[in-house]
Amino acid sequence: MISVKNIFKKENLIAAGGLGAGSLAAEIVASKVTPMLTNASGEVSKIVPAIPILAGFLLSGSTGFVGSIGKGMLAQGVGAVAKQYIPLETKTSLGLGGDVMMGNVMMGEPPLAGFSSDSYDYTSGDAGEMNY
């Protein structure tokens, strides 16, 4: 049974920290290893995205914090490999790899419908909002 007391146990907090650290470690491993494994033409080997998964498997057999790091590396590595095979349209509709929360909001684009660029104070009494 899930209870608030169980959420904040020391073991659970350490495991959550390990998962987060493992996710970061997987990104670091991928970013540092990828340049080392590119050939002369700049082509990346097909095994490079799977290296964090392999490292995660090695560490996930451990206990405690190190095991949690391994599981975080596994999760991040599998997610990164899966993103390569998801079609672009699906990625866009799910919001994967794009701007967060508001979609693709870019500077210089026209604002949302209903937005007025005037500096009228709509909270003033003249706006009619105060007239009940």
N, C-alpha and C. Protein backbone atom coordinates (compact mmCIF):
# COMPACT_ATOMS: atom_id res chain seq x y z
N MET A 1 0.84 -1.18 0.00
CA MET A 1 0.00 0.00 0.00
C MET A 1 0.89 1.24 0.00
N ILE A 2 0.50 2.22 -0.75
CA ILE A 2 1.27 3.44 -0.85
C ILE A 2 0.83 4.41 0.25
N SER A 3 1.81 4.93 0.94
CA SER A 3 1.51 5.95 1.94
C SER A 3 2.59 7.02 1.88
N VAL A 4 2.26 8.18 2.39
CA VAL A 4 3.21 9.30 2.36
C VAL A 4 4.45 8.97 3.18
N LYS A 5 4.27 8.24 4.26
CA LYS A 5 5.42 7.87 5.10
C LYS A 5 6.44 7.06 4.30
N ASN A 6 5.94 6.16 3.45
CA ASN A 6 6.85 5.32 2.67
C ASN A 6 7.58 6.10 1.59
N ILE A 7 6.96 7.15 1.08
CA ILE A 7 7.58 7.92 0.01
C ILE A 7 8.88 8.58 0.48
N PHE A 8 8.87 9.10 1.69
CA PHE A 8 10.01 9.86 2.18
C PHE A 8 10.97 9.03 3.02
N LYS A 9 10.97 7.72 2.84
CA LYS A 9 11.95 6.89 3.53
C LYS A 9 13.33 7.13 2.91
N LYS A 10 14.34 6.95 3.72
CA LYS A 10 15.71 7.20 3.28
C LYS A 10 16.06 6.36 2.05
N GLU A 11 15.67 5.10 2.05
CA GLU A 11 15.99 4.20 0.93
C GLU A 11 15.35 4.68 -0.37
N ASN A 12 14.10 5.15 -0.27
CA ASN A 12 13.41 5.63 -1.47
C ASN A 12 14.03 6.91 -2.01
N LEU A 13 14.44 7.80 -1.12
CA LEU A 13 15.07 9.04 -1.56
C LEU A 13 16.44 8.77 -2.19
N ILE A 14 17.18 7.82 -1.62
CA ILE A 14 18.48 7.46 -2.20
C ILE A 14 18.28 6.83 -3.57
N ALA A 15 17.27 5.96 -3.69
CA ALA A 15 17.00 5.33 -4.98
C ALA A 15 16.59 6.37 -6.03
N ALA A 16 15.77 7.33 -5.65
CA ALA A 16 15.36 8.38 -6.59
C ALA A 16 16.56 9.22 -7.02
N GLY A 17 17.43 9.54 -6.07
CA GLY A 17 18.64 10.28 -6.41
C GLY A 17 19.54 9.49 -7.34
N GLY A 18 19.62 8.19 -7.12
CA GLY A 18 20.42 7.32 -7.99
C GLY A 18 19.87 7.26 -9.40
N LEU A 19 18.54 7.19 -9.52
CA LEU A 19 17.93 7.17 -10.85
C LEU A 19 18.23 8.46 -11.61
N GLY A 20 18.11 9.58 -10.92
CA GLY A 20 18.42 10.87 -11.56
C GLY A 20 19.89 10.97 -11.95
N ALA A 21 20.76 10.54 -11.03
CA ALA A 21 22.21 10.57 -11.33
C ALA A 21 22.53 9.63 -12.49
N GLY A 22 21.86 8.50 -12.54
CA GLY A 22 22.09 7.57 -13.64
C GLY A 22 21.64 8.12 -14.97
N SER A 23 20.54 8.84 -14.97
CA SER A 23 20.06 9.47 -16.20
C SER A 23 21.08 10.49 -16.71
N LEU A 24 21.59 11.31 -15.80
CA LEU A 24 22.62 12.28 -16.18
C LEU A 24 23.90 11.59 -16.63
N ALA A 25 24.27 10.53 -15.93
CA ALA A 25 25.48 9.79 -16.29
C ALA A 25 25.36 9.19 -17.69
N ALA A 26 24.17 8.69 -18.04
CA ALA A 26 23.97 8.12 -19.37
C ALA A 26 24.14 9.18 -20.46
N GLU A 27 23.64 10.38 -20.21
CA GLU A 27 23.81 11.45 -21.19
C GLU A 27 25.28 11.85 -21.32
N ILE A 28 25.98 11.89 -20.19
CA ILE A 28 27.40 12.24 -20.23
C ILE A 28 28.19 11.18 -20.97
N VAL A 29 27.91 9.91 -20.68
CA VAL A 29 28.61 8.82 -21.37
C VAL A 29 28.35 8.91 -22.87
N ALA A 30 27.09 9.13 -23.25
CA ALA A 30 26.77 9.21 -24.68
C ALA A 30 27.46 10.39 -25.35
N SER A 31 27.50 11.53 -24.67
CA SER A 31 28.11 12.71 -25.29
C SER A 31 29.63 12.62 -25.35
N LYS A 32 30.25 11.92 -24.42
CA LYS A 32 31.71 11.81 -24.43
C LYS A 32 32.19 10.65 -25.31
N VAL A 33 31.40 9.58 -25.40
CA VAL A 33 31.81 8.40 -26.15
C VAL A 33 31.54 8.57 -27.64
N THR A 34 30.47 9.23 -28.00
CA THR A 34 30.10 9.39 -29.40
C THR A 34 31.22 10.00 -30.24
N PRO A 35 31.86 11.09 -29.81
CA PRO A 35 32.95 11.63 -30.64
C PRO A 35 34.13 10.68 -30.79
N MET A 36 34.35 9.82 -29.80
CA MET A 36 35.47 8.88 -29.88
C MET A 36 35.22 7.76 -30.87
N LEU A 37 33.96 7.44 -31.12
CA LEU A 37 33.63 6.29 -31.96
C LEU A 37 33.13 6.66 -33.34
N THR A 38 33.35 7.89 -33.75
CA THR A 38 32.98 8.27 -35.11
C THR A 38 34.15 7.94 -36.03
N ASN A 39 33.83 7.50 -37.24
CA ASN A 39 34.91 7.19 -38.18
C ASN A 39 35.32 8.46 -38.93
N ALA A 40 36.22 8.32 -39.87
CA ALA A 40 36.78 9.48 -40.57
C ALA A 40 35.72 10.27 -41.34
N SER A 41 34.67 9.61 -41.80
CA SER A 41 33.64 10.32 -42.56
C SER A 41 32.62 11.00 -41.65
N GLY A 42 32.79 10.86 -40.33
CA GLY A 42 31.87 11.49 -39.40
C GLY A 42 30.65 10.63 -39.09
N GLU A 43 30.64 9.42 -39.61
CA GLU A 43 29.52 8.52 -39.39
C GLU A 43 29.63 7.87 -38.01
N VAL A 44 28.54 7.85 -37.30
CA VAL A 44 28.54 7.30 -35.96
C VAL A 44 28.20 5.81 -36.03
N SER A 45 28.93 5.02 -35.26
CA SER A 45 28.66 3.59 -35.21
C SER A 45 27.26 3.34 -34.66
N LYS A 46 26.64 2.25 -35.11
CA LYS A 46 25.27 1.96 -34.67
C LYS A 46 25.21 1.53 -33.21
N ILE A 47 26.33 1.16 -32.62
CA ILE A 47 26.33 0.69 -31.23
C ILE A 47 26.43 1.85 -30.24
N VAL A 48 26.82 3.01 -30.69
CA VAL A 48 27.05 4.14 -29.78
C VAL A 48 25.83 4.48 -28.92
N PRO A 49 24.62 4.56 -29.46
CA PRO A 49 23.49 4.88 -28.58
C PRO A 49 23.23 3.81 -27.52
N ALA A 50 23.70 2.59 -27.74
CA ALA A 50 23.46 1.51 -26.79
C ALA A 50 24.52 1.44 -25.69
N ILE A 51 25.56 2.23 -25.76
CA ILE A 51 26.62 2.16 -24.75
C ILE A 51 26.11 2.52 -23.36
N PRO A 52 25.26 3.55 -23.17
CA PRO A 52 24.72 3.77 -21.83
C PRO A 52 23.87 2.60 -21.32
N ILE A 53 23.22 1.88 -22.23
CA ILE A 53 22.45 0.71 -21.82
C ILE A 53 23.39 -0.37 -21.30
N LEU A 54 24.49 -0.59 -22.01
CA LEU A 54 25.46 -1.60 -21.57
C LEU A 54 26.07 -1.23 -20.22
N ALA A 55 26.42 0.05 -20.06
CA ALA A 55 26.97 0.50 -18.77
C ALA A 55 25.92 0.37 -17.67
N GLY A 56 24.66 0.65 -18.00
CA GLY A 56 23.58 0.50 -17.03
C GLY A 56 23.40 -0.94 -16.59
N PHE A 57 23.51 -1.87 -17.54
CA PHE A 57 23.42 -3.29 -17.18
C PHE A 57 24.54 -3.69 -16.23
N LEU A 58 25.73 -3.18 -16.48
CA LEU A 58 26.86 -3.51 -15.59
C LEU A 58 26.63 -3.00 -14.17
N LEU A 59 26.12 -1.79 -14.05
CA LEU A 59 25.93 -1.20 -12.73
C LEU A 59 24.65 -1.63 -12.03
N SER A 60 23.63 -2.01 -12.80
CA SER A 60 22.33 -2.31 -12.19
C SER A 60 22.35 -3.57 -11.33
N GLY A 61 23.35 -4.40 -11.50
CA GLY A 61 23.46 -5.60 -10.68
C GLY A 61 23.96 -5.30 -9.27
N SER A 62 24.46 -4.11 -9.05
CA SER A 62 24.95 -3.72 -7.73
C SER A 62 23.77 -3.38 -6.83
N THR A 63 24.07 -3.25 -5.55
CA THR A 63 23.02 -2.88 -4.60
C THR A 63 23.16 -1.42 -4.21
N GLY A 64 22.09 -0.86 -3.67
CA GLY A 64 22.12 0.49 -3.15
C GLY A 64 22.15 1.55 -4.23
N PHE A 65 22.90 2.61 -3.94
CA PHE A 65 22.94 3.78 -4.80
C PHE A 65 23.51 3.45 -6.18
N VAL A 66 24.54 2.63 -6.24
CA VAL A 66 25.17 2.29 -7.52
C VAL A 66 24.19 1.51 -8.40
N GLY A 67 23.41 0.63 -7.81
CA GLY A 67 22.41 -0.09 -8.58
C GLY A 67 21.34 0.84 -9.13
N SER A 68 20.96 1.84 -8.35
CA SER A 68 19.99 2.83 -8.83
C SER A 68 20.56 3.66 -9.97
N ILE A 69 21.83 3.97 -9.90
CA ILE A 69 22.49 4.69 -11.00
C ILE A 69 22.42 3.85 -12.27
N GLY A 70 22.69 2.56 -12.14
CA GLY A 70 22.61 1.67 -13.30
C GLY A 70 21.22 1.62 -13.89
N LYS A 71 20.21 1.58 -13.05
CA LYS A 71 18.82 1.55 -13.54
C LYS A 71 18.45 2.87 -14.22
N GLY A 72 18.96 3.98 -13.70
CA GLY A 72 18.73 5.27 -14.35
C GLY A 72 19.40 5.35 -15.71
N MET A 73 20.61 4.77 -15.80
CA MET A 73 21.31 4.74 -17.08
C MET A 73 20.55 3.88 -18.09
N LEU A 74 20.01 2.76 -17.60
CA LEU A 74 19.20 1.91 -18.48
C LEU A 74 17.99 2.65 -19.02
N ALA A 75 17.28 3.33 -18.14
CA ALA A 75 16.08 4.04 -18.55
C ALA A 75 16.40 5.13 -19.56
N GLN A 76 17.43 5.92 -19.29
CA GLN A 76 17.81 7.00 -20.22
C GLN A 76 18.30 6.43 -21.54
N GLY A 77 19.09 5.36 -21.48
CA GLY A 77 19.63 4.76 -22.70
C GLY A 77 18.55 4.17 -23.58
N VAL A 78 17.60 3.45 -22.98
CA VAL A 78 16.51 2.87 -23.75
C VAL A 78 15.65 3.98 -24.36
N GLY A 79 15.40 5.04 -23.59
CA GLY A 79 14.63 6.16 -24.13
C GLY A 79 15.33 6.82 -25.31
N ALA A 80 16.63 6.99 -25.21
CA ALA A 80 17.38 7.62 -26.30
C ALA A 80 17.36 6.76 -27.56
N VAL A 81 17.51 5.46 -27.39
CA VAL A 81 17.48 4.56 -28.56
C VAL A 81 16.08 4.53 -29.16
N ALA A 82 15.07 4.50 -28.31
CA ALA A 82 13.69 4.47 -28.82
C ALA A 82 13.34 5.74 -29.59
N LYS A 83 13.86 6.89 -29.15
CA LYS A 83 13.58 8.15 -29.85
C LYS A 83 14.10 8.14 -31.28
N GLN A 84 15.15 7.37 -31.54
CA GLN A 84 15.70 7.32 -32.89
C GLN A 84 14.76 6.64 -33.87
N TYR A 85 13.92 5.75 -33.37
CA TYR A 85 13.05 4.98 -34.25
C TYR A 85 11.61 5.48 -34.29
N ILE A 86 11.31 6.53 -33.53
CA ILE A 86 9.96 7.11 -33.55
C ILE A 86 9.89 8.09 -34.72
N PRO A 87 8.85 7.99 -35.56
CA PRO A 87 8.73 8.93 -36.69
C PRO A 87 8.63 10.38 -36.22
N LEU A 88 9.10 11.31 -37.06
CA LEU A 88 9.12 12.72 -36.72
C LEU A 88 7.74 13.26 -36.39
N GLU A 89 6.72 12.84 -37.13
CA GLU A 89 5.37 13.33 -36.87
C GLU A 89 4.90 12.93 -35.47
N THR A 90 5.22 11.70 -35.09
CA THR A 90 4.83 11.22 -33.76
C THR A 90 5.60 11.97 -32.67
N LYS A 91 6.89 12.22 -32.90
CA LYS A 91 7.68 12.98 -31.94
C LYS A 91 7.08 14.37 -31.73
N THR A 92 6.70 15.01 -32.84
CA THR A 92 6.14 16.35 -32.76
C THR A 92 4.82 16.34 -32.00
N SER A 93 3.97 15.38 -32.29
CA SER A 93 2.67 15.35 -31.62
C SER A 93 2.81 15.01 -30.13
N LEU A 94 3.83 14.25 -29.77
CA LEU A 94 4.05 13.90 -28.36
C LEU A 94 4.89 14.95 -27.63
N GLY A 95 5.52 15.87 -28.37
CA GLY A 95 6.35 16.89 -27.75
C GLY A 95 7.74 16.39 -27.39
N LEU A 96 8.21 15.35 -28.06
CA LEU A 96 9.54 14.80 -27.77
C LEU A 96 10.61 15.57 -28.53
N GLY A 97 11.60 16.04 -27.82
CA GLY A 97 12.72 16.70 -28.44
C GLY A 97 12.48 18.13 -28.86
N GLY A 98 11.32 18.66 -28.58
CA GLY A 98 11.03 20.04 -28.96
C GLY A 98 11.02 20.93 -27.74
N ASP A 99 10.51 22.12 -27.93
CA ASP A 99 10.39 23.04 -26.82
C ASP A 99 9.35 22.50 -25.84
N VAL A 100 9.54 22.79 -24.59
CA VAL A 100 8.71 22.21 -23.54
C VAL A 100 7.52 23.12 -23.23
N MET A 101 6.44 22.56 -22.84
CA MET A 101 5.23 23.17 -22.31
C MET A 101 4.39 23.89 -23.36
N MET A 102 4.94 24.82 -24.09
CA MET A 102 4.11 25.61 -25.00
C MET A 102 4.33 25.21 -26.45
N GLY A 103 5.00 24.13 -26.70
CA GLY A 103 5.24 23.73 -28.07
C GLY A 103 6.33 24.58 -28.69
N ASN A 104 6.23 24.76 -29.97
CA ASN A 104 7.27 25.48 -30.70
C ASN A 104 6.96 26.97 -30.74
N VAL A 105 7.16 27.65 -29.63
CA VAL A 105 6.95 29.09 -29.56
C VAL A 105 8.29 29.75 -29.83
N MET A 106 8.35 30.52 -30.86
CA MET A 106 9.61 31.15 -31.26
C MET A 106 9.46 32.67 -31.23
N MET A 107 10.56 33.33 -31.02
CA MET A 107 10.56 34.79 -31.01
C MET A 107 10.30 35.29 -32.42
N GLY A 108 9.55 36.37 -32.53
CA GLY A 108 9.29 36.99 -33.82
C GLY A 108 8.06 36.45 -34.52
N GLU A 109 7.47 35.36 -34.01
CA GLU A 109 6.26 34.85 -34.62
C GLU A 109 5.07 35.65 -34.11
N PRO A 110 3.99 35.66 -34.86
CA PRO A 110 2.81 36.38 -34.38
C PRO A 110 2.29 35.75 -33.09
N PRO A 111 1.80 36.54 -32.18
CA PRO A 111 1.34 36.00 -30.91
C PRO A 111 0.04 35.22 -31.06
N LEU A 112 -0.37 34.62 -29.98
CA LEU A 112 -1.60 33.85 -29.97
C LEU A 112 -2.80 34.72 -30.30
N ALA A 113 -3.85 34.09 -30.80
CA ALA A 113 -5.08 34.81 -31.13
C ALA A 113 -5.65 35.45 -29.88
N GLY A 114 -6.14 36.65 -30.01
CA GLY A 114 -6.72 37.35 -28.88
C GLY A 114 -5.73 38.19 -28.10
N PHE A 115 -4.47 38.09 -28.44
CA PHE A 115 -3.45 38.88 -27.75
C PHE A 115 -3.42 40.28 -28.34
N SER A 116 -3.40 41.26 -27.49
CA SER A 116 -3.33 42.64 -27.94
C SER A 116 -2.02 43.23 -27.46
N SER A 117 -1.31 43.89 -28.33
CA SER A 117 -0.02 44.44 -27.95
C SER A 117 -0.13 45.82 -27.30
N ASP A 118 -1.36 46.36 -27.24
CA ASP A 118 -1.49 47.66 -26.60
C ASP A 118 -1.28 47.52 -25.10
N SER A 119 -1.00 48.61 -24.47
CA SER A 119 -0.69 48.56 -23.05
C SER A 119 -1.88 49.02 -22.21
N TYR A 120 -3.07 48.66 -22.63
CA TYR A 120 -4.27 49.06 -21.91
C TYR A 120 -4.36 48.30 -20.59
N ASP A 121 -4.68 48.98 -19.53
CA ASP A 121 -4.79 48.36 -18.21
C ASP A 121 -6.21 47.82 -18.04
N TYR A 122 -6.35 46.53 -18.22
CA TYR A 122 -7.66 45.90 -18.14
C TYR A 122 -8.15 45.75 -16.71
N THR A 123 -7.32 46.04 -15.75
CA THR A 123 -7.75 45.95 -14.35
C THR A 123 -8.31 47.27 -13.84
N SER A 124 -8.28 48.30 -14.66
CA SER A 124 -8.78 49.59 -14.22
C SER A 124 -10.31 49.58 -14.20
N GLY A 125 -10.88 50.53 -13.53
CA GLY A 125 -12.32 50.66 -13.44
C GLY A 125 -12.96 50.92 -14.79
N ASP A 126 -12.23 51.56 -15.72
CA ASP A 126 -12.78 51.88 -17.03
C ASP A 126 -12.98 50.63 -17.90
N ALA A 127 -12.35 49.54 -17.53
CA ALA A 127 -12.46 48.32 -18.35
C ALA A 127 -13.79 47.63 -18.15
N GLY A 128 -14.53 47.99 -17.12
CA GLY A 128 -15.81 47.37 -16.88
C GLY A 128 -15.74 46.15 -15.97
N GLU A 129 -14.55 45.75 -15.61
CA GLU A 129 -14.41 44.56 -14.76
C GLU A 129 -14.81 44.87 -13.31
N MET A 130 -14.73 46.11 -12.94
CA MET A 130 -15.04 46.48 -11.57
C MET A 130 -16.53 46.80 -11.38
N ASN A 131 -17.27 46.87 -12.47
CA ASN A 131 -18.68 47.21 -12.39
C ASN A 131 -19.50 45.93 -12.18
N TYR A 132 -19.91 45.71 -10.96
CA TYR A 132 -20.66 44.49 -10.67
C TYR A 132 -22.14 44.76 -10.76
